[in-house]
Amino acid sequence: MSERLSIVIPEEMKAEIEVLQKMTHLDKSSLIRQLLRKSIREFRIEEAIKAYVDGKVSFDKASEVAGLNMWDWIDEVHRRGVQMQMSIEDARQEIVEWKKSKDST
């Protein structure tokens, strides 16, 4: 289900959208939806990284917050140079727990 939203944006943002429209040949609505999807994905990943680095969530839980499967989460964390906040034993335990949760579904 879709919902119509009405927003006010600054002139600079409007100009950026127009430039992107010319580059992509997308209509304004399609372009804005695509930008929102990418922005929401990025925001979720950033929040997951913050929560993980601050010790608020486990590595596994952070992957859920980010909306990524474990392998994509590992790639994302590595790509961004995030230090793992766990020992080798903790990593093993996370993998065992992750496998159990996937086997039970």
N, C-alpha and C. Protein backbone atom coordinates (compact mmCIF):
# COMPACT_ATOMS: atom_id res chain seq x y z
N MET A 1 0.84 -1.17 0.00
CA MET A 1 0.00 0.00 0.00
C MET A 1 0.88 1.24 0.00
N SER A 2 0.51 2.21 -0.73
CA SER A 2 1.26 3.46 -0.83
C SER A 2 0.52 4.58 -0.14
N GLU A 3 1.29 5.56 0.25
CA GLU A 3 0.71 6.75 0.87
C GLU A 3 1.31 7.98 0.21
N ARG A 4 0.48 8.92 -0.08
CA ARG A 4 0.95 10.16 -0.69
C ARG A 4 1.44 11.07 0.42
N LEU A 5 2.67 11.59 0.23
CA LEU A 5 3.25 12.52 1.19
C LEU A 5 3.49 13.85 0.50
N SER A 6 3.36 14.89 1.25
CA SER A 6 3.63 16.21 0.74
C SER A 6 4.73 16.82 1.60
N ILE A 7 5.84 17.21 0.99
CA ILE A 7 6.95 17.78 1.75
C ILE A 7 7.42 19.08 1.11
N VAL A 8 8.08 19.87 1.92
CA VAL A 8 8.69 21.12 1.44
C VAL A 8 10.20 20.91 1.50
N ILE A 9 10.88 21.18 0.39
CA ILE A 9 12.33 21.02 0.36
C ILE A 9 13.01 22.33 -0.01
N PRO A 10 14.23 22.52 0.45
CA PRO A 10 14.96 23.74 0.10
C PRO A 10 15.26 23.80 -1.40
N GLU A 11 15.44 24.99 -1.90
CA GLU A 11 15.73 25.21 -3.33
C GLU A 11 16.96 24.42 -3.78
N GLU A 12 17.99 24.37 -2.91
CA GLU A 12 19.22 23.66 -3.28
C GLU A 12 18.95 22.17 -3.51
N MET A 13 18.09 21.61 -2.68
CA MET A 13 17.75 20.20 -2.82
C MET A 13 16.93 19.99 -4.10
N LYS A 14 16.04 20.91 -4.38
CA LYS A 14 15.23 20.83 -5.60
C LYS A 14 16.15 20.85 -6.82
N ALA A 15 17.15 21.73 -6.78
CA ALA A 15 18.10 21.82 -7.89
C ALA A 15 18.88 20.52 -8.04
N GLU A 16 19.29 19.92 -6.93
CA GLU A 16 20.02 18.64 -6.98
C GLU A 16 19.14 17.56 -7.59
N ILE A 17 17.88 17.53 -7.21
CA ILE A 17 16.95 16.54 -7.75
C ILE A 17 16.81 16.72 -9.26
N GLU A 18 16.72 17.96 -9.70
CA GLU A 18 16.60 18.22 -11.13
C GLU A 18 17.84 17.76 -11.89
N VAL A 19 19.02 17.97 -11.31
CA VAL A 19 20.26 17.49 -11.93
C VAL A 19 20.24 15.96 -12.04
N LEU A 20 19.84 15.32 -10.95
CA LEU A 20 19.78 13.85 -10.94
C LEU A 20 18.74 13.32 -11.92
N GLN A 21 17.64 14.05 -12.07
CA GLN A 21 16.62 13.64 -13.04
C GLN A 21 17.20 13.62 -14.45
N LYS A 22 17.96 14.65 -14.78
CA LYS A 22 18.57 14.71 -16.12
C LYS A 22 19.58 13.59 -16.30
N MET A 23 20.32 13.28 -15.24
CA MET A 23 21.33 12.22 -15.32
C MET A 23 20.70 10.84 -15.47
N THR A 24 19.61 10.61 -14.74
CA THR A 24 19.03 9.27 -14.68
C THR A 24 17.86 9.06 -15.63
N HIS A 25 17.28 10.15 -16.12
CA HIS A 25 16.10 10.08 -16.99
C HIS A 25 14.89 9.49 -16.26
N LEU A 26 14.86 9.66 -14.93
CA LEU A 26 13.72 9.19 -14.14
C LEU A 26 12.77 10.35 -13.89
N ASP A 27 11.48 10.02 -13.73
CA ASP A 27 10.55 11.07 -13.33
C ASP A 27 10.82 11.42 -11.87
N LYS A 28 10.36 12.57 -11.44
CA LYS A 28 10.67 13.07 -10.11
C LYS A 28 10.25 12.10 -9.00
N SER A 29 9.04 11.55 -9.09
CA SER A 29 8.56 10.64 -8.05
C SER A 29 9.42 9.38 -7.96
N SER A 30 9.75 8.80 -9.09
CA SER A 30 10.58 7.58 -9.10
C SER A 30 11.97 7.86 -8.54
N LEU A 31 12.53 8.98 -8.92
CA LEU A 31 13.85 9.35 -8.43
C LEU A 31 13.83 9.56 -6.92
N ILE A 32 12.84 10.27 -6.42
CA ILE A 32 12.76 10.53 -4.98
C ILE A 32 12.54 9.23 -4.21
N ARG A 33 11.72 8.33 -4.74
CA ARG A 33 11.54 7.03 -4.08
C ARG A 33 12.86 6.26 -4.02
N GLN A 34 13.59 6.29 -5.12
CA GLN A 34 14.88 5.59 -5.16
C GLN A 34 15.86 6.22 -4.16
N LEU A 35 15.89 7.53 -4.11
CA LEU A 35 16.76 8.23 -3.16
C LEU A 35 16.37 7.91 -1.71
N LEU A 36 15.08 7.86 -1.44
CA LEU A 36 14.61 7.52 -0.09
C LEU A 36 15.00 6.10 0.30
N ARG A 37 14.82 5.15 -0.63
CA ARG A 37 15.20 3.76 -0.35
C ARG A 37 16.68 3.67 0.02
N LYS A 38 17.52 4.32 -0.78
CA LYS A 38 18.95 4.28 -0.51
C LYS A 38 19.29 4.98 0.80
N SER A 39 18.64 6.07 1.05
CA SER A 39 18.90 6.83 2.27
C SER A 39 18.45 6.06 3.51
N ILE A 40 17.31 5.41 3.43
CA ILE A 40 16.81 4.61 4.56
C ILE A 40 17.76 3.45 4.82
N ARG A 41 18.21 2.78 3.77
CA ARG A 41 19.17 1.67 3.93
C ARG A 41 20.44 2.17 4.60
N GLU A 42 20.98 3.28 4.12
CA GLU A 42 22.21 3.85 4.69
C GLU A 42 22.00 4.25 6.14
N PHE A 43 20.87 4.86 6.45
CA PHE A 43 20.57 5.29 7.82
C PHE A 43 20.52 4.09 8.76
N ARG A 44 19.87 3.03 8.32
CA ARG A 44 19.77 1.82 9.15
C ARG A 44 21.16 1.24 9.42
N ILE A 45 21.99 1.20 8.40
CA ILE A 45 23.35 0.67 8.57
C ILE A 45 24.14 1.54 9.54
N GLU A 46 24.06 2.85 9.38
CA GLU A 46 24.78 3.75 10.29
C GLU A 46 24.31 3.59 11.73
N GLU A 47 23.01 3.47 11.94
CA GLU A 47 22.47 3.28 13.30
C GLU A 47 22.92 1.94 13.87
N ALA A 48 22.94 0.92 13.05
CA ALA A 48 23.38 -0.40 13.51
C ALA A 48 24.85 -0.37 13.91
N ILE A 49 25.67 0.29 13.11
CA ILE A 49 27.09 0.40 13.43
C ILE A 49 27.29 1.15 14.75
N LYS A 50 26.58 2.28 14.91
CA LYS A 50 26.69 3.04 16.16
C LYS A 50 26.31 2.17 17.36
N ALA A 51 25.19 1.48 17.25
CA ALA A 51 24.71 0.64 18.36
C ALA A 51 25.70 -0.48 18.66
N TYR A 52 26.28 -1.07 17.62
CA TYR A 52 27.25 -2.15 17.81
C TYR A 52 28.53 -1.63 18.44
N VAL A 53 29.07 -0.55 17.91
CA VAL A 53 30.31 0.02 18.42
C VAL A 53 30.14 0.48 19.88
N ASP A 54 28.97 1.01 20.20
CA ASP A 54 28.70 1.46 21.57
C ASP A 54 28.38 0.30 22.52
N GLY A 55 28.33 -0.91 21.98
CA GLY A 55 28.07 -2.08 22.81
C GLY A 55 26.61 -2.27 23.20
N LYS A 56 25.72 -1.58 22.50
CA LYS A 56 24.29 -1.67 22.83
C LYS A 56 23.63 -2.90 22.24
N VAL A 57 24.20 -3.42 21.15
CA VAL A 57 23.65 -4.62 20.51
C VAL A 57 24.79 -5.55 20.11
N SER A 58 24.46 -6.82 19.98
CA SER A 58 25.43 -7.82 19.53
C SER A 58 25.66 -7.66 18.02
N PHE A 59 26.67 -8.34 17.52
CA PHE A 59 26.96 -8.31 16.09
C PHE A 59 25.76 -8.82 15.29
N ASP A 60 25.17 -9.91 15.77
CA ASP A 60 24.01 -10.52 15.11
C ASP A 60 22.82 -9.56 15.11
N LYS A 61 22.55 -8.96 16.28
CA LYS A 61 21.42 -8.02 16.38
C LYS A 61 21.66 -6.80 15.50
N ALA A 62 22.90 -6.36 15.41
CA ALA A 62 23.22 -5.21 14.57
C ALA A 62 22.91 -5.50 13.10
N SER A 63 23.14 -6.74 12.68
CA SER A 63 22.80 -7.09 11.29
C SER A 63 21.31 -6.98 11.05
N GLU A 64 20.50 -7.35 12.07
CA GLU A 64 19.05 -7.21 11.97
C GLU A 64 18.65 -5.74 11.90
N VAL A 65 19.25 -4.92 12.78
CA VAL A 65 18.96 -3.48 12.78
C VAL A 65 19.29 -2.88 11.42
N ALA A 66 20.40 -3.32 10.84
CA ALA A 66 20.82 -2.81 9.53
C ALA A 66 19.93 -3.31 8.40
N GLY A 67 19.18 -4.38 8.67
CA GLY A 67 18.34 -4.96 7.62
C GLY A 67 19.13 -5.80 6.63
N LEU A 68 20.26 -6.33 7.09
CA LEU A 68 21.13 -7.12 6.22
C LEU A 68 21.28 -8.54 6.74
N ASN A 69 21.48 -9.49 5.83
CA ASN A 69 21.79 -10.83 6.30
C ASN A 69 23.21 -10.80 6.87
N MET A 70 23.59 -11.84 7.58
CA MET A 70 24.87 -11.85 8.29
C MET A 70 26.05 -11.63 7.35
N TRP A 71 26.02 -12.25 6.18
CA TRP A 71 27.17 -12.15 5.27
C TRP A 71 27.29 -10.74 4.69
N ASP A 72 26.17 -10.14 4.33
CA ASP A 72 26.20 -8.76 3.83
C ASP A 72 26.63 -7.79 4.94
N TRP A 73 26.20 -8.08 6.18
CA TRP A 73 26.59 -7.25 7.32
C TRP A 73 28.11 -7.33 7.54
N ILE A 74 28.65 -8.54 7.48
CA ILE A 74 30.10 -8.70 7.64
C ILE A 74 30.83 -7.91 6.56
N ASP A 75 30.38 -8.01 5.33
CA ASP A 75 30.99 -7.26 4.23
C ASP A 75 30.92 -5.75 4.48
N GLU A 76 29.75 -5.28 4.93
CA GLU A 76 29.54 -3.85 5.17
C GLU A 76 30.45 -3.34 6.29
N VAL A 77 30.52 -4.08 7.37
CA VAL A 77 31.37 -3.70 8.50
C VAL A 77 32.83 -3.65 8.06
N HIS A 78 33.25 -4.66 7.31
CA HIS A 78 34.63 -4.71 6.82
C HIS A 78 34.91 -3.54 5.87
N ARG A 79 33.99 -3.29 4.96
CA ARG A 79 34.15 -2.20 3.98
C ARG A 79 34.30 -0.84 4.67
N ARG A 80 33.59 -0.67 5.78
CA ARG A 80 33.63 0.61 6.51
C ARG A 80 34.74 0.68 7.54
N GLY A 81 35.50 -0.40 7.68
CA GLY A 81 36.63 -0.41 8.60
C GLY A 81 36.24 -0.41 10.06
N VAL A 82 35.07 -0.96 10.37
CA VAL A 82 34.60 -1.02 11.75
C VAL A 82 35.35 -2.14 12.48
N GLN A 83 35.90 -1.81 13.64
CA GLN A 83 36.60 -2.81 14.44
C GLN A 83 35.61 -3.78 15.07
N MET A 84 35.91 -5.04 14.96
CA MET A 84 35.08 -6.05 15.60
C MET A 84 35.20 -5.89 17.11
N GLN A 85 34.08 -5.91 17.80
CA GLN A 85 34.04 -5.71 19.24
C GLN A 85 33.93 -7.05 19.97
N MET A 86 34.58 -8.08 19.42
CA MET A 86 34.45 -9.39 20.04
C MET A 86 35.73 -10.19 19.88
N SER A 87 35.89 -11.14 20.76
CA SER A 87 37.02 -12.06 20.68
C SER A 87 36.69 -13.15 19.65
N ILE A 88 37.67 -13.97 19.36
CA ILE A 88 37.45 -15.10 18.44
C ILE A 88 36.36 -16.03 19.01
N GLU A 89 36.42 -16.26 20.32
CA GLU A 89 35.42 -17.13 20.96
C GLU A 89 34.02 -16.51 20.86
N ASP A 90 33.92 -15.20 21.07
CA ASP A 90 32.63 -14.51 20.91
C ASP A 90 32.13 -14.66 19.49
N ALA A 91 33.03 -14.53 18.52
CA ALA A 91 32.64 -14.67 17.10
C ALA A 91 32.12 -16.07 16.83
N ARG A 92 32.81 -17.07 17.37
CA ARG A 92 32.35 -18.46 17.19
C ARG A 92 30.94 -18.63 17.76
N GLN A 93 30.74 -18.10 18.97
CA GLN A 93 29.44 -18.22 19.62
C GLN A 93 28.36 -17.53 18.80
N GLU A 94 28.66 -16.34 18.26
CA GLU A 94 27.70 -15.62 17.42
C GLU A 94 27.31 -16.47 16.21
N ILE A 95 28.30 -17.13 15.60
CA ILE A 95 28.04 -17.95 14.42
C ILE A 95 27.16 -19.14 14.80
N VAL A 96 27.47 -19.78 15.92
CA VAL A 96 26.66 -20.92 16.38
C VAL A 96 25.22 -20.48 16.62
N GLU A 97 25.04 -19.36 17.33
CA GLU A 97 23.69 -18.86 17.60
C GLU A 97 22.97 -18.48 16.32
N TRP A 98 23.69 -17.86 15.40
CA TRP A 98 23.09 -17.47 14.13
C TRP A 98 22.64 -18.71 13.35
N LYS A 99 23.48 -19.74 13.31
CA LYS A 99 23.12 -20.97 12.62
C LYS A 99 21.89 -21.62 13.24
N LYS A 100 21.84 -21.63 14.58
CA LYS A 100 20.67 -22.20 15.27
C LYS A 100 19.40 -21.45 14.90
N SER A 101 19.50 -20.13 14.87
CA SER A 101 18.29 -19.34 14.55
C SER A 101 17.85 -19.56 13.11
N LYS A 102 18.78 -19.79 12.21
CA LYS A 102 18.44 -20.02 10.82
C LYS A 102 17.91 -21.43 10.60
N ASP A 103 18.41 -22.40 11.39
CA ASP A 103 17.95 -23.79 11.27
C ASP A 103 16.53 -23.96 11.81
N SER A 104 16.17 -23.12 12.77
CA SER A 104 14.84 -23.25 13.37
C SER A 104 13.74 -22.60 12.54
N THR A 105 14.11 -21.88 11.50
CA THR A 105 13.09 -21.23 10.65
C THR A 105 12.73 -22.06 9.46
